[in-house]
């Protein structure tokens, strides 16, 4: 009786329902966090427990609740039941690896933005916040055991990739697409996706990544493709920090594409366009076979 009960609601009404459910789950998540974890931010195990609870509570539970209320088949509503060509998945994997220098270049350009003198205090606050986030990230990812590495992959790559794509592309983008069309939905969702991370100096590359994830969903009709892309993006960072912390010499992926290797950033952007074309072409083949 409850399944799909609000499927005929208008888009704005559905947005209000999503906000209400998100607010309720957020309060419940905060209560669970208070009961389970402490406020000691120097205890990394404690911080990781807090992040896991919040990631699941805020980004995984609400999409499934809303899909249950808005559809008679939650998995189909969230686009979790779709066939993918292995070639398409391979192109996405290569794209995300090839895109690293280009993303770094965009991040470097983003960092060159200087706010007006009247906003200097806000700029200092943002810089301080970015520095604190960077320190916390290093503490979380700098581990020396395989078990800890695997847990970090789960915490930082698997859960956010699944949760954030369910919430942003699977839910918000779908609602906005029904309201204003795919183009508006993809870019507005990407904007919200980047803004909610509250990291100004990585805002534009994160927004472009979000838009790419949105187009992956649009082209393929499957949420699994942006989930895979999101996972690869986060997993590379987790593995890099692990190798670096344990004294294994690796290329500094955080700077490649900037400075003396700026040409790699430009080349990376060009190659990304090519692989974007291959991904689009591959998804069109899948769509044509599905129609047959």
Protein backbone atom coordinates (compact mmCIF):
# COMPACT_ATOMS: atom_id res chain seq x y z
CA UNK A 1 0.00 0.00 0.00
CA UNK A 2 2.90 2.36 0.72
CA UNK A 3 5.09 1.42 -2.24
CA UNK A 4 4.81 4.07 -4.94
CA UNK A 5 2.26 6.04 -2.93
CA UNK A 6 3.68 9.42 -4.05
CA UNK A 7 4.58 8.45 -7.63
CA UNK A 8 2.04 10.89 -9.10
CA UNK A 9 3.29 13.86 -7.05
CA UNK A 10 4.62 16.89 -8.91
CA UNK A 11 8.34 17.60 -9.06
CA UNK A 12 8.32 20.44 -6.55
CA UNK A 13 6.27 18.37 -4.13
CA UNK A 14 8.75 15.51 -4.53
CA UNK A 15 11.63 17.90 -3.80
CA UNK A 16 9.90 18.94 -0.58
CA UNK A 17 9.41 15.27 0.32
CA UNK A 18 13.11 14.62 -0.32
CA UNK A 19 14.11 17.58 1.86
CA UNK A 20 11.82 16.38 4.66
CA UNK A 21 13.16 12.81 4.55
CA UNK A 22 16.75 14.06 4.33
CA UNK A 23 16.23 16.32 7.37
CA UNK A 24 14.68 13.47 9.36
CA UNK A 25 17.48 11.05 8.46
CA UNK A 26 20.11 13.72 9.18
CA UNK A 27 18.76 14.18 12.72
CA UNK A 28 18.64 10.41 13.23
CA UNK A 29 22.18 10.08 11.86
CA UNK A 30 23.47 12.78 14.22
CA UNK A 31 21.85 11.01 17.18
CA UNK A 32 23.44 7.69 16.19
CA UNK A 33 26.80 9.43 15.72
CA UNK A 34 26.59 10.96 19.20
CA UNK A 35 25.76 7.57 20.72
CA UNK A 36 28.42 5.59 18.85
CA UNK A 37 31.31 8.02 18.39
CA UNK A 38 33.06 10.68 20.45
CA UNK A 39 34.15 14.19 19.54
CA UNK A 40 37.84 13.28 19.56
CA UNK A 41 38.91 14.27 16.04
CA UNK A 42 42.47 13.08 16.74
CA UNK A 43 41.26 9.47 17.00
CA UNK A 44 41.13 8.38 13.36
CA UNK A 45 39.12 5.23 14.09
CA UNK A 46 36.51 7.45 15.70
CA UNK A 47 36.53 9.86 12.73
CA UNK A 48 36.12 6.98 10.29
CA UNK A 49 33.16 5.59 12.22
CA UNK A 50 31.54 9.03 12.13
CA UNK A 51 32.12 9.34 8.39
CA UNK A 52 30.72 5.87 7.69
CA UNK A 53 27.55 6.55 9.67
CA UNK A 54 27.03 9.91 8.01
CA UNK A 55 27.73 8.62 4.49
CA UNK A 56 25.25 5.78 4.81
CA UNK A 57 22.65 7.83 6.67
CA UNK A 58 22.70 10.94 4.53
CA UNK A 59 23.34 9.59 1.04
CA UNK A 60 22.29 5.94 0.82
CA UNK A 61 19.14 5.69 2.94
CA UNK A 62 17.20 8.73 1.57
CA UNK A 63 17.42 7.71 -2.14
CA UNK A 64 16.04 4.25 -1.41
CA UNK A 65 13.28 5.65 0.80
CA UNK A 66 12.25 8.12 -1.90
CA UNK A 67 12.50 5.54 -4.69
CA UNK A 68 10.25 3.26 -2.60
CA UNK A 69 7.67 6.05 -2.20
CA UNK A 70 7.90 7.27 -5.80
CA UNK A 71 8.02 4.01 -7.68
CA UNK A 72 6.84 0.42 -7.53
CA UNK A 73 10.38 -0.70 -8.39
CA UNK A 74 13.05 1.19 -6.50
CA UNK A 75 15.98 -0.36 -8.38
CA UNK A 76 14.54 0.58 -11.76
CA UNK A 77 13.73 4.09 -10.53
CA UNK A 78 17.34 4.57 -9.40
CA UNK A 79 18.59 3.09 -12.69
CA UNK A 80 20.35 0.22 -10.93
CA UNK A 81 18.97 -2.39 -13.33
CA UNK A 82 20.72 -1.80 -16.64
CA UNK A 83 23.02 -3.76 -18.92
CA UNK A 84 26.45 -2.32 -19.63
CA UNK A 85 28.97 -3.23 -22.31
CA UNK A 86 32.38 -4.22 -20.92
CA UNK A 87 33.95 -1.95 -23.51
CA UNK A 88 32.01 0.99 -22.07
CA UNK A 89 33.20 0.20 -18.54
CA UNK A 90 36.77 -0.10 -19.82
CA UNK A 91 36.54 3.30 -21.56
CA UNK A 92 35.29 4.87 -18.33
CA UNK A 93 38.13 3.32 -16.32
CA UNK A 94 40.71 4.61 -18.79
CA UNK A 95 39.01 8.02 -18.91
CA UNK A 96 39.23 8.45 -15.13
CA UNK A 97 42.93 7.53 -15.08
CA UNK A 98 43.81 9.65 -18.11
CA UNK A 99 41.86 12.58 -16.65
CA UNK A 100 44.07 12.90 -13.54
CA UNK A 101 46.52 15.49 -15.04
CA UNK A 102 43.63 17.48 -16.51
CA UNK A 103 41.80 17.50 -13.16
CA UNK A 104 45.00 18.66 -11.47
CA UNK A 105 45.35 21.44 -14.03
CA UNK A 106 41.79 22.57 -13.38
CA UNK A 107 42.42 22.45 -9.63
CA UNK A 108 45.55 24.57 -10.05
CA UNK A 109 43.62 27.12 -12.11
CA UNK A 110 40.86 27.11 -9.49
CA UNK A 111 43.43 27.87 -6.81
CA UNK A 112 44.59 30.95 -8.73
CA UNK A 113 41.24 32.64 -8.18
CA UNK A 114 41.64 35.59 -5.83
CA UNK A 115 38.57 37.10 -4.20
CA UNK A 116 38.08 40.89 -3.99
CA UNK A 117 39.69 42.71 -1.05
CA UNK A 118 36.26 43.16 0.53
CA UNK A 119 36.00 39.35 0.82
CA UNK A 120 39.53 38.83 2.14
CA UNK A 121 38.30 37.52 5.50
CA UNK A 122 36.09 34.95 3.78
CA UNK A 123 39.05 33.96 1.61
CA UNK A 124 41.21 33.41 4.70
CA UNK A 125 38.49 31.27 6.25
CA UNK A 126 38.26 29.16 3.09
CA UNK A 127 42.03 28.73 2.95
CA UNK A 128 42.10 27.70 6.61
CA UNK A 129 39.25 25.23 6.04
CA UNK A 130 41.02 23.73 3.01
CA UNK A 131 44.23 23.30 5.02
CA UNK A 132 42.38 21.56 7.87
CA UNK A 133 40.59 19.24 5.44
CA UNK A 134 43.92 18.38 3.78
CA UNK A 135 45.49 17.53 7.17
CA UNK A 136 42.50 15.40 8.18
CA UNK A 137 42.54 13.61 4.81
CA UNK A 138 46.21 12.74 5.18
CA UNK A 139 45.65 11.41 8.70
CA UNK A 140 42.79 9.24 7.50
CA UNK A 141 44.55 7.85 4.44
CA UNK A 142 48.05 7.40 5.85
CA UNK A 143 47.88 3.77 7.01
CA UNK A 144 50.51 1.03 7.08
CA UNK A 145 48.56 -2.23 6.85
CA UNK A 146 46.65 -3.97 4.09
CA UNK A 147 43.55 -4.30 6.29
CA UNK A 148 43.54 -0.56 6.95
CA UNK A 149 44.02 0.12 3.23
CA UNK A 150 41.05 -2.08 2.31
CA UNK A 151 38.88 -0.36 4.91
CA UNK A 152 39.89 3.04 3.53
CA UNK A 153 38.97 1.87 0.03
CA UNK A 154 35.57 0.84 1.38
CA UNK A 155 35.09 4.04 3.39
CA UNK A 156 36.46 6.62 0.95
CA UNK A 157 35.80 4.97 -2.43
CA UNK A 158 33.00 2.38 -2.25
CA UNK A 159 30.54 4.06 0.14
CA UNK A 160 30.82 7.63 -1.26
CA UNK A 161 30.69 6.40 -4.86
CA UNK A 162 27.52 4.44 -4.18
CA UNK A 163 25.90 6.93 -1.82
CA UNK A 164 26.67 10.20 -3.57
CA UNK A 165 25.68 8.84 -6.97
CA UNK A 166 22.42 7.45 -5.58
CA UNK A 167 21.64 10.79 -3.97
CA UNK A 168 22.84 13.26 -6.59
CA UNK A 169 22.57 11.53 -9.97
CA UNK A 170 19.99 8.88 -9.04
CA UNK A 171 17.60 11.16 -7.17
CA UNK A 172 18.24 14.90 -7.54
CA UNK A 173 19.27 14.79 -11.21
CA UNK A 174 16.24 12.67 -12.04
CA UNK A 175 13.86 15.12 -10.34
CA UNK A 176 15.45 18.16 -11.95
CA UNK A 177 15.42 16.43 -15.33
CA UNK A 178 11.66 15.86 -15.04
CA UNK A 179 11.31 19.53 -14.17
CA UNK A 180 13.66 21.41 -16.52
CA UNK A 181 15.25 18.83 -18.82
CA UNK A 182 18.51 16.87 -18.87
CA UNK A 183 20.96 19.73 -19.54
CA UNK A 184 19.71 21.85 -16.64
CA UNK A 185 19.50 18.80 -14.36
CA UNK A 186 23.06 17.62 -15.06
CA UNK A 187 24.73 20.97 -14.48
CA UNK A 188 22.57 22.07 -11.56
CA UNK A 189 23.16 18.72 -9.85
CA UNK A 190 26.88 19.03 -10.55
CA UNK A 191 26.86 22.51 -9.00
CA UNK A 192 25.07 21.24 -5.87
CA UNK A 193 27.35 18.19 -5.75
CA UNK A 194 30.45 20.38 -5.72
CA UNK A 195 29.04 23.03 -3.39
CA UNK A 196 28.03 20.52 -0.72
CA UNK A 197 31.67 19.43 -0.34
CA UNK A 198 32.44 22.99 0.85
CA UNK A 199 35.87 23.11 -0.76
CA UNK A 200 36.09 26.27 -2.86
CA UNK A 201 39.58 25.62 -4.25
CA UNK A 202 38.43 22.38 -5.82
CA UNK A 203 34.96 23.60 -6.77
CA UNK A 204 35.25 23.79 -10.56
CA UNK A 205 37.05 20.49 -11.25
CA UNK A 206 34.62 18.72 -8.90
CA UNK A 207 31.67 20.33 -10.67
CA UNK A 208 32.99 19.21 -14.07
CA UNK A 209 33.47 15.69 -12.71
CA UNK A 210 29.91 15.79 -11.41
CA UNK A 211 28.67 16.87 -14.84
CA UNK A 212 30.62 14.02 -16.44
CA UNK A 213 28.98 11.56 -14.04
CA UNK A 214 25.64 13.06 -14.97
CA UNK A 215 26.24 12.57 -18.68
CA UNK A 216 27.35 8.99 -18.05
CA UNK A 217 23.92 8.34 -16.52
CA UNK A 218 22.15 10.15 -19.34
CA UNK A 219 24.03 8.29 -22.07
CA UNK A 220 23.94 4.82 -20.55
CA UNK A 221 20.70 4.88 -18.58
CA UNK A 222 22.61 3.10 -15.81
CA UNK A 223 23.70 4.55 -12.50
CA UNK A 224 26.43 1.92 -12.29
CA UNK A 225 28.57 3.79 -14.81
CA UNK A 226 28.91 7.00 -12.74
CA UNK A 227 29.29 4.85 -9.62
CA UNK A 228 32.26 3.07 -11.23
CA UNK A 229 33.80 6.36 -12.39
CA UNK A 230 33.34 7.92 -8.95
CA UNK A 231 34.88 4.85 -7.29
CA UNK A 232 37.97 4.96 -9.52
CA UNK A 233 38.49 8.67 -8.84
CA UNK A 234 38.44 8.16 -5.06
CA UNK A 235 40.25 4.82 -5.04
CA UNK A 236 43.27 6.20 -6.89
CA UNK A 237 43.75 8.81 -4.16
CA UNK A 238 43.46 6.19 -1.39
CA UNK A 239 46.07 3.93 -3.00
CA UNK A 240 48.40 6.86 -3.73
CA UNK A 241 48.42 7.99 -0.10
CA UNK A 242 49.02 4.42 1.05
CA UNK A 243 52.01 3.92 -1.24
CA UNK A 244 53.47 7.33 -0.44
CA UNK A 245 53.08 6.89 3.33
CA UNK A 246 54.79 3.49 3.21
CA UNK A 247 57.85 4.82 1.40
CA UNK A 248 57.09 3.41 -2.02
CA UNK A 249 58.30 5.78 -4.73
CA UNK A 250 55.41 6.76 -6.97
CA UNK A 251 54.68 9.67 -9.27
CA UNK A 252 53.05 12.51 -7.34
CA UNK A 253 49.62 12.33 -8.97
CA UNK A 254 48.52 15.46 -7.13
CA UNK A 255 50.89 17.71 -9.10
CA UNK A 256 51.20 15.97 -12.47
CA UNK A 257 49.61 18.21 -15.09
CA UNK A 258 50.79 21.42 -13.40
CA UNK A 259 54.07 23.33 -13.28
CA UNK A 260 56.68 21.76 -15.54
CA UNK A 261 54.20 19.04 -16.58
CA UNK A 262 51.47 21.51 -17.52
CA UNK A 263 51.60 20.16 -21.05
CA UNK A 264 50.42 16.82 -19.69
CA UNK A 265 47.37 18.52 -18.22
CA UNK A 266 46.50 20.01 -21.62
CA UNK A 267 47.15 16.71 -23.41
CA UNK A 268 45.07 14.91 -20.80
CA UNK A 269 42.12 17.19 -21.54
CA UNK A 270 42.36 16.45 -25.27
CA UNK A 271 42.54 12.69 -24.69
CA UNK A 272 39.56 12.92 -22.34
CA UNK A 273 37.48 14.40 -25.15
CA UNK A 274 38.40 11.41 -27.33
CA UNK A 275 37.48 8.87 -24.66
CA UNK A 276 34.29 10.78 -23.95
CA UNK A 277 33.42 10.26 -27.61
CA UNK A 278 34.18 6.52 -27.32
CA UNK A 279 32.00 6.23 -24.21
CA UNK A 280 29.12 8.03 -25.91
CA UNK A 281 29.45 5.86 -29.02
CA UNK A 282 29.55 2.68 -26.93
CA UNK A 283 26.41 3.63 -24.99
CA UNK A 284 24.58 4.34 -28.24
CA UNK A 285 25.38 0.81 -29.42
CA UNK A 286 24.01 -0.59 -26.18
CA UNK A 287 20.83 1.45 -26.56
CA UNK A 288 20.29 0.30 -30.14
CA UNK A 289 20.72 -3.38 -29.14
CA UNK A 290 18.28 -2.91 -26.25
CA UNK A 291 15.67 -1.49 -28.62
CA UNK A 292 16.12 -4.45 -30.98
